[in-house]
Amino acid sequence: MKELRERGLYRLPDGAELVASPAARGGGYALYDPQVWKRYGLPDYQIDVKGRLNKMGESTRWSAEDLIDTGQTAA
């Protein structure tokens, strides 16, 4: 699976920007809307250990490989 930067800002192919954070358990990552990240809310997406993006437990068409690193880091 592609390694993501902690607090790195990534863009999905549809233009949505998300903050990456290592998942608390089970490996993978959690991806947050930047505004939700600031409020410590729930993630919009989870990336499993195989690199698949899931939203609310449902598979999406994207994988970690589809994320584009913007080079920015969330505060």
N, C-alpha and C. Protein backbone atom coordinates (compact mmCIF):
# COMPACT_ATOMS: atom_id res chain seq x y z
N MET A 1 0.84 -1.19 0.00
CA MET A 1 0.00 0.00 0.00
C MET A 1 0.88 1.24 0.00
N LYS A 2 0.41 2.26 -0.65
CA LYS A 2 1.11 3.54 -0.71
C LYS A 2 1.19 4.15 0.69
N GLU A 3 2.37 4.62 1.06
CA GLU A 3 2.55 5.30 2.34
C GLU A 3 2.06 6.74 2.21
N LEU A 4 1.29 7.18 3.19
CA LEU A 4 0.80 8.55 3.20
C LEU A 4 1.47 9.32 4.33
N ARG A 5 1.59 10.62 4.15
CA ARG A 5 2.17 11.47 5.19
C ARG A 5 1.13 11.76 6.26
N GLU A 6 1.51 11.65 7.52
CA GLU A 6 0.60 11.99 8.59
C GLU A 6 0.26 13.48 8.49
N ARG A 7 -1.04 13.79 8.49
CA ARG A 7 -1.58 15.14 8.34
C ARG A 7 -1.35 15.71 6.94
N GLY A 8 -0.93 14.85 6.01
CA GLY A 8 -0.76 15.30 4.63
C GLY A 8 -2.11 15.57 4.00
N LEU A 9 -2.17 16.59 3.14
CA LEU A 9 -3.40 16.93 2.43
C LEU A 9 -3.34 16.28 1.05
N TYR A 10 -4.33 15.45 0.77
CA TYR A 10 -4.39 14.69 -0.49
C TYR A 10 -5.66 15.04 -1.24
N ARG A 11 -5.61 14.92 -2.57
CA ARG A 11 -6.76 15.22 -3.42
C ARG A 11 -7.20 13.94 -4.12
N LEU A 12 -8.52 13.70 -4.09
CA LEU A 12 -9.10 12.59 -4.85
C LEU A 12 -9.30 13.03 -6.30
N PRO A 13 -9.46 12.09 -7.23
CA PRO A 13 -9.70 12.47 -8.62
C PRO A 13 -10.92 13.37 -8.84
N ASP A 14 -11.90 13.34 -7.92
CA ASP A 14 -13.08 14.20 -8.07
C ASP A 14 -12.84 15.60 -7.51
N GLY A 15 -11.62 15.87 -7.00
CA GLY A 15 -11.27 17.20 -6.50
C GLY A 15 -11.38 17.37 -5.00
N ALA A 16 -12.01 16.42 -4.30
CA ALA A 16 -12.14 16.52 -2.85
C ALA A 16 -10.76 16.44 -2.20
N GLU A 17 -10.52 17.31 -1.21
CA GLU A 17 -9.25 17.29 -0.49
C GLU A 17 -9.47 16.71 0.90
N LEU A 18 -8.55 15.87 1.33
CA LEU A 18 -8.68 15.13 2.57
C LEU A 18 -7.36 15.10 3.33
N VAL A 19 -7.44 15.09 4.65
CA VAL A 19 -6.27 14.99 5.53
C VAL A 19 -6.09 13.54 5.93
N ALA A 20 -4.87 13.01 5.78
CA ALA A 20 -4.57 11.62 6.12
C ALA A 20 -4.06 11.51 7.56
N SER A 21 -4.49 10.43 8.21
CA SER A 21 -4.02 10.13 9.56
C SER A 21 -3.96 8.62 9.69
N PRO A 22 -2.87 8.08 10.28
CA PRO A 22 -2.82 6.63 10.47
C PRO A 22 -4.03 6.16 11.29
N ALA A 23 -4.60 5.03 10.90
CA ALA A 23 -5.75 4.48 11.62
C ALA A 23 -5.32 4.04 13.02
N ALA A 24 -6.21 4.20 13.97
CA ALA A 24 -5.90 3.86 15.36
C ALA A 24 -5.68 2.36 15.55
N ARG A 25 -6.39 1.56 14.77
CA ARG A 25 -6.21 0.10 14.90
C ARG A 25 -6.39 -0.56 13.55
N GLY A 26 -5.75 -1.67 13.38
CA GLY A 26 -5.91 -2.45 12.16
C GLY A 26 -5.08 -2.01 10.98
N GLY A 27 -4.26 -1.00 11.13
CA GLY A 27 -3.46 -0.52 10.01
C GLY A 27 -4.29 0.35 9.08
N GLY A 28 -3.69 0.79 8.02
CA GLY A 28 -4.38 1.66 7.08
C GLY A 28 -4.40 3.11 7.56
N TYR A 29 -5.30 3.88 6.97
CA TYR A 29 -5.39 5.31 7.26
C TYR A 29 -6.85 5.73 7.36
N ALA A 30 -7.06 6.86 8.01
CA ALA A 30 -8.34 7.54 8.01
C ALA A 30 -8.14 8.84 7.23
N LEU A 31 -9.14 9.22 6.45
CA LEU A 31 -9.09 10.45 5.66
C LEU A 31 -10.23 11.36 6.09
N TYR A 32 -9.88 12.60 6.40
CA TYR A 32 -10.84 13.57 6.94
C TYR A 32 -11.00 14.78 6.04
N ASP A 33 -12.21 15.30 5.96
CA ASP A 33 -12.42 16.61 5.39
C ASP A 33 -11.61 17.59 6.24
N PRO A 34 -10.90 18.55 5.64
CA PRO A 34 -10.06 19.46 6.45
C PRO A 34 -10.81 20.19 7.57
N GLN A 35 -12.07 20.54 7.35
CA GLN A 35 -12.84 21.22 8.40
C GLN A 35 -13.19 20.26 9.54
N VAL A 36 -13.47 19.01 9.20
CA VAL A 36 -13.76 17.99 10.22
C VAL A 36 -12.50 17.68 11.01
N TRP A 37 -11.36 17.65 10.32
CA TRP A 37 -10.07 17.38 10.97
C TRP A 37 -9.82 18.38 12.11
N LYS A 38 -10.13 19.65 11.86
CA LYS A 38 -9.92 20.70 12.86
C LYS A 38 -10.78 20.50 14.10
N ARG A 39 -11.93 19.82 13.93
CA ARG A 39 -12.86 19.62 15.05
C ARG A 39 -12.77 18.21 15.63
N TYR A 40 -11.81 17.43 15.17
CA TYR A 40 -11.64 16.04 15.65
C TYR A 40 -12.89 15.20 15.43
N GLY A 41 -13.50 15.36 14.26
CA GLY A 41 -14.70 14.60 13.92
C GLY A 41 -14.37 13.23 13.34
N LEU A 42 -15.38 12.58 12.82
CA LEU A 42 -15.24 11.25 12.23
C LEU A 42 -14.67 11.35 10.81
N PRO A 43 -13.89 10.35 10.40
CA PRO A 43 -13.30 10.39 9.06
C PRO A 43 -14.35 10.20 7.97
N ASP A 44 -14.08 10.79 6.81
CA ASP A 44 -14.94 10.61 5.65
C ASP A 44 -14.67 9.27 4.97
N TYR A 45 -13.41 8.86 4.98
CA TYR A 45 -12.99 7.61 4.35
C TYR A 45 -12.03 6.87 5.25
N GLN A 46 -11.97 5.55 5.05
CA GLN A 46 -10.95 4.70 5.66
C GLN A 46 -10.20 4.05 4.51
N ILE A 47 -8.90 3.88 4.69
CA ILE A 47 -8.10 3.12 3.72
C ILE A 47 -7.67 1.85 4.43
N ASP A 48 -8.06 0.70 3.89
CA ASP A 48 -7.69 -0.56 4.54
C ASP A 48 -6.25 -0.92 4.22
N VAL A 49 -5.76 -1.99 4.81
CA VAL A 49 -4.35 -2.38 4.65
C VAL A 49 -4.01 -2.77 3.22
N LYS A 50 -5.02 -3.05 2.39
CA LYS A 50 -4.79 -3.35 0.98
C LYS A 50 -4.84 -2.11 0.11
N GLY A 51 -5.09 -0.94 0.73
CA GLY A 51 -5.08 0.32 -0.01
C GLY A 51 -6.41 0.73 -0.61
N ARG A 52 -7.50 0.04 -0.27
CA ARG A 52 -8.82 0.38 -0.81
C ARG A 52 -9.48 1.45 0.05
N LEU A 53 -10.11 2.43 -0.60
CA LEU A 53 -10.85 3.46 0.11
C LEU A 53 -12.28 3.00 0.35
N ASN A 54 -12.71 3.14 1.58
CA ASN A 54 -14.07 2.80 1.98
C ASN A 54 -14.72 4.02 2.60
N LYS A 55 -16.00 4.20 2.29
CA LYS A 55 -16.77 5.30 2.87
C LYS A 55 -17.96 4.69 3.60
N MET A 56 -18.02 4.95 4.90
CA MET A 56 -19.08 4.41 5.75
C MET A 56 -19.20 2.89 5.58
N GLY A 57 -18.05 2.22 5.50
CA GLY A 57 -18.03 0.76 5.40
C GLY A 57 -18.25 0.21 4.01
N GLU A 58 -18.52 1.06 3.04
CA GLU A 58 -18.77 0.62 1.67
C GLU A 58 -17.56 0.92 0.79
N SER A 59 -17.21 -0.02 -0.07
CA SER A 59 -16.09 0.18 -0.99
C SER A 59 -16.39 1.31 -1.96
N THR A 60 -15.35 2.04 -2.34
CA THR A 60 -15.46 3.06 -3.38
C THR A 60 -14.67 2.59 -4.59
N ARG A 61 -14.69 3.39 -5.63
CA ARG A 61 -13.93 3.02 -6.85
C ARG A 61 -12.46 3.38 -6.74
N TRP A 62 -12.07 4.05 -5.64
CA TRP A 62 -10.71 4.55 -5.49
C TRP A 62 -9.85 3.68 -4.59
N SER A 63 -8.55 3.86 -4.77
CA SER A 63 -7.56 3.23 -3.89
C SER A 63 -6.58 4.32 -3.45
N ALA A 64 -5.70 3.97 -2.54
CA ALA A 64 -4.69 4.91 -2.06
C ALA A 64 -3.84 5.43 -3.22
N GLU A 65 -3.66 4.64 -4.25
CA GLU A 65 -2.87 5.05 -5.41
C GLU A 65 -3.51 6.22 -6.16
N ASP A 66 -4.81 6.41 -6.00
CA ASP A 66 -5.52 7.49 -6.69
C ASP A 66 -5.35 8.84 -5.98
N LEU A 67 -4.85 8.84 -4.75
CA LEU A 67 -4.69 10.08 -4.00
C LEU A 67 -3.49 10.86 -4.53
N ILE A 68 -3.69 12.16 -4.70
CA ILE A 68 -2.64 13.06 -5.18
C ILE A 68 -2.18 13.91 -4.02
N ASP A 69 -0.90 13.84 -3.71
CA ASP A 69 -0.34 14.63 -2.61
C ASP A 69 -0.25 16.09 -3.04
N THR A 70 -0.90 16.98 -2.29
CA THR A 70 -0.86 18.40 -2.61
C THR A 70 0.43 19.06 -2.13
N GLY A 71 1.18 18.35 -1.27
CA GLY A 71 2.40 18.93 -0.70
C GLY A 71 2.13 19.75 0.55
N GLN A 72 0.86 19.94 0.90
CA GLN A 72 0.50 20.71 2.08
C GLN A 72 0.31 19.78 3.28
N THR A 73 0.44 20.34 4.47
CA THR A 73 0.25 19.59 5.72
C THR A 73 -0.76 20.33 6.57
N ALA A 74 -1.73 19.60 7.11
CA ALA A 74 -2.74 20.19 7.98
C ALA A 74 -2.13 20.57 9.32
N ALA A 75 -2.63 21.67 9.88
CA ALA A 75 -2.13 22.13 11.18
C ALA A 75 -2.73 21.33 12.31
